[in-house]
Protein backbone atom coordinates (compact mmCIF):
# COMPACT_ATOMS: atom_id res chain seq x y z
CA MET A 1 28.19 -10.44 3.29
CA GLN A 2 29.97 -7.22 2.51
CA ILE A 3 28.32 -4.18 0.94
CA PRO A 4 30.31 -2.70 -1.95
CA LYS A 5 31.77 0.72 -1.20
CA ASP A 6 31.73 2.01 -4.78
CA LEU A 7 27.96 2.01 -5.37
CA GLN A 8 26.64 4.99 -7.30
CA PRO A 9 23.11 6.45 -7.00
CA MET A 10 20.68 5.34 -9.68
CA ILE A 11 20.18 8.10 -12.26
CA PRO A 12 17.46 8.93 -12.95
CA SER A 13 15.97 8.01 -9.60
CA THR A 14 12.69 6.13 -9.51
CA ALA A 15 10.88 9.20 -8.18
CA SER A 16 12.19 11.51 -10.90
CA ALA A 17 11.56 8.93 -13.65
CA LEU A 18 8.00 8.43 -12.43
CA SER A 19 7.40 12.17 -12.26
CA SER A 20 8.81 12.60 -15.76
CA GLU A 21 6.60 9.86 -17.20
CA ARG A 22 3.50 11.24 -15.48
CA SER A 23 4.15 14.66 -16.99
CA LYS A 24 4.04 13.10 -20.49
CA THR A 25 0.52 11.76 -20.15
CA GLN A 26 -2.14 12.92 -22.56
CA PHE A 27 -5.01 12.27 -20.18
CA ASP A 28 -6.18 13.61 -16.85
CA ILE A 29 -4.75 11.37 -14.11
CA PRO A 30 -7.60 11.94 -11.61
CA SER A 31 -10.09 11.08 -14.36
CA MET A 32 -8.21 7.84 -15.07
CA HIS A 33 -8.31 7.00 -11.37
CA THR A 34 -12.07 7.62 -11.40
CA PHE A 35 -12.39 5.36 -14.44
CA ILE A 36 -10.36 2.52 -12.87
CA VAL A 37 -11.65 2.70 -9.28
CA ASP A 38 -15.41 2.99 -8.82
CA SER A 39 -16.87 5.78 -6.73
CA GLU A 40 -18.00 3.52 -3.87
CA MET A 41 -14.48 2.13 -3.39
CA ARG A 42 -13.01 5.65 -3.51
CA ARG A 43 -15.55 6.80 -0.92
CA MET A 44 -14.77 3.87 1.39
CA THR A 45 -11.01 4.25 0.97
CA SER A 46 -11.19 7.96 1.74
CA LYS A 47 -13.29 7.32 4.85
CA ILE A 48 -10.98 4.56 6.09
CA GLU A 49 -7.85 6.65 5.51
CA LYS A 50 -9.34 9.45 7.63
CA VAL A 51 -10.09 6.97 10.43
CA LEU A 52 -6.56 5.53 10.27
CA ASP A 53 -4.94 8.98 10.12
CA ALA A 54 -6.88 10.04 13.23
CA GLU A 55 -5.00 7.47 15.34
CA PRO A 56 -1.34 7.56 14.27
CA GLU A 57 -0.19 6.04 17.57
CA ILE A 58 -1.96 2.80 16.54
CA PHE A 59 -1.94 2.82 12.73
CA ASN A 60 1.47 4.37 12.01
CA MET A 61 3.47 1.97 9.83
CA ARG A 62 6.56 4.17 9.50
CA ASN A 63 8.86 1.98 11.63
CA ILE A 64 7.56 -1.41 10.50
CA TYR A 65 10.78 -2.28 8.62
CA PHE A 66 12.85 -1.74 11.75
CA MET A 67 10.73 -3.95 14.02
CA SER A 68 11.61 -7.45 15.06
CA ARG A 69 9.24 -10.26 14.17
CA GLN A 70 7.76 -10.18 17.67
CA GLU A 71 7.31 -6.41 17.54
CA LYS A 72 5.55 -6.73 14.17
CA MET A 73 3.19 -9.37 15.55
CA ASP A 74 2.45 -7.25 18.63
CA HIS A 75 1.81 -4.22 16.42
CA ALA A 76 -0.45 -6.26 14.13
CA MET A 77 -2.40 -7.54 17.15
CA LYS A 78 -2.86 -3.98 18.41
CA ILE A 79 -4.06 -2.86 14.97
CA GLY A 80 -6.39 -5.84 14.62
CA LEU A 81 -7.91 -5.23 18.02
CA ARG A 82 -8.42 -1.53 17.29
CA LEU A 83 -10.08 -2.26 13.93
CA ILE A 84 -12.54 -4.61 15.65
CA GLN A 85 -13.22 -1.98 18.33
CA LEU A 86 -13.90 0.60 15.61
CA MET A 87 -16.32 -1.82 13.97
CA HIS A 88 -18.17 -2.43 17.25
CA GLN A 89 -18.36 1.35 17.79
CA GLY A 90 -19.92 1.76 14.34
CA VAL A 91 -17.00 3.78 12.96
CA LEU A 92 -16.11 1.09 10.39
CA THR A 93 -18.22 -1.66 8.85
CA ALA A 94 -17.29 -5.32 8.46
CA GLU A 95 -16.84 -4.67 4.71
CA GLU A 96 -14.36 -1.86 5.42
CA ILE A 97 -12.06 -3.86 7.72
CA PRO A 98 -10.40 -5.86 4.89
CA ILE A 99 -9.92 -2.61 2.97
CA ALA A 100 -8.21 -1.10 6.03
CA ASP A 101 -5.96 -4.19 6.13
CA MET A 102 -5.14 -3.64 2.45
CA ILE A 103 -4.36 0.06 3.01
CA LEU A 104 -2.09 -0.77 5.96
CA ASP A 105 -0.44 -3.60 4.00
CA LEU A 106 0.26 -5.57 7.14
CA ASN A 107 -0.03 -9.33 7.34
CA GLY A 108 -1.61 -9.65 10.72
CA PRO A 109 -2.95 -12.65 12.60
CA PHE A 110 -6.56 -12.05 11.50
CA GLY A 111 -6.10 -11.68 7.74
CA LEU A 112 -7.00 -15.27 6.86
CA HIS A 113 -10.21 -15.06 8.83
CA ARG A 114 -11.32 -11.88 7.10
CA ALA A 115 -10.77 -13.01 3.52
């Protein structure tokens, strides 16, 4: 497969189009988020994100697209193990683990068992 050499950048870019559309809204975006997502879910998500951000060496997903299948599985195992450890330490609850999986957006080996 050969990549064409005459490709042009998309104009407007997705980011600029999204920003433009958001600026046209006639409602408060944070209020809409509050309306759509209940306060308990926002509280849990915020808590989980802080826990995940505190350990970037484990929960960093930045290089996931450049990993081999084996590396992805190893990374998912490490994440799964750490989430269970955090639950046993009382940092996360059993109800918060699937939300952490959703935030990380990683199909790990334990996902089926947590659903």
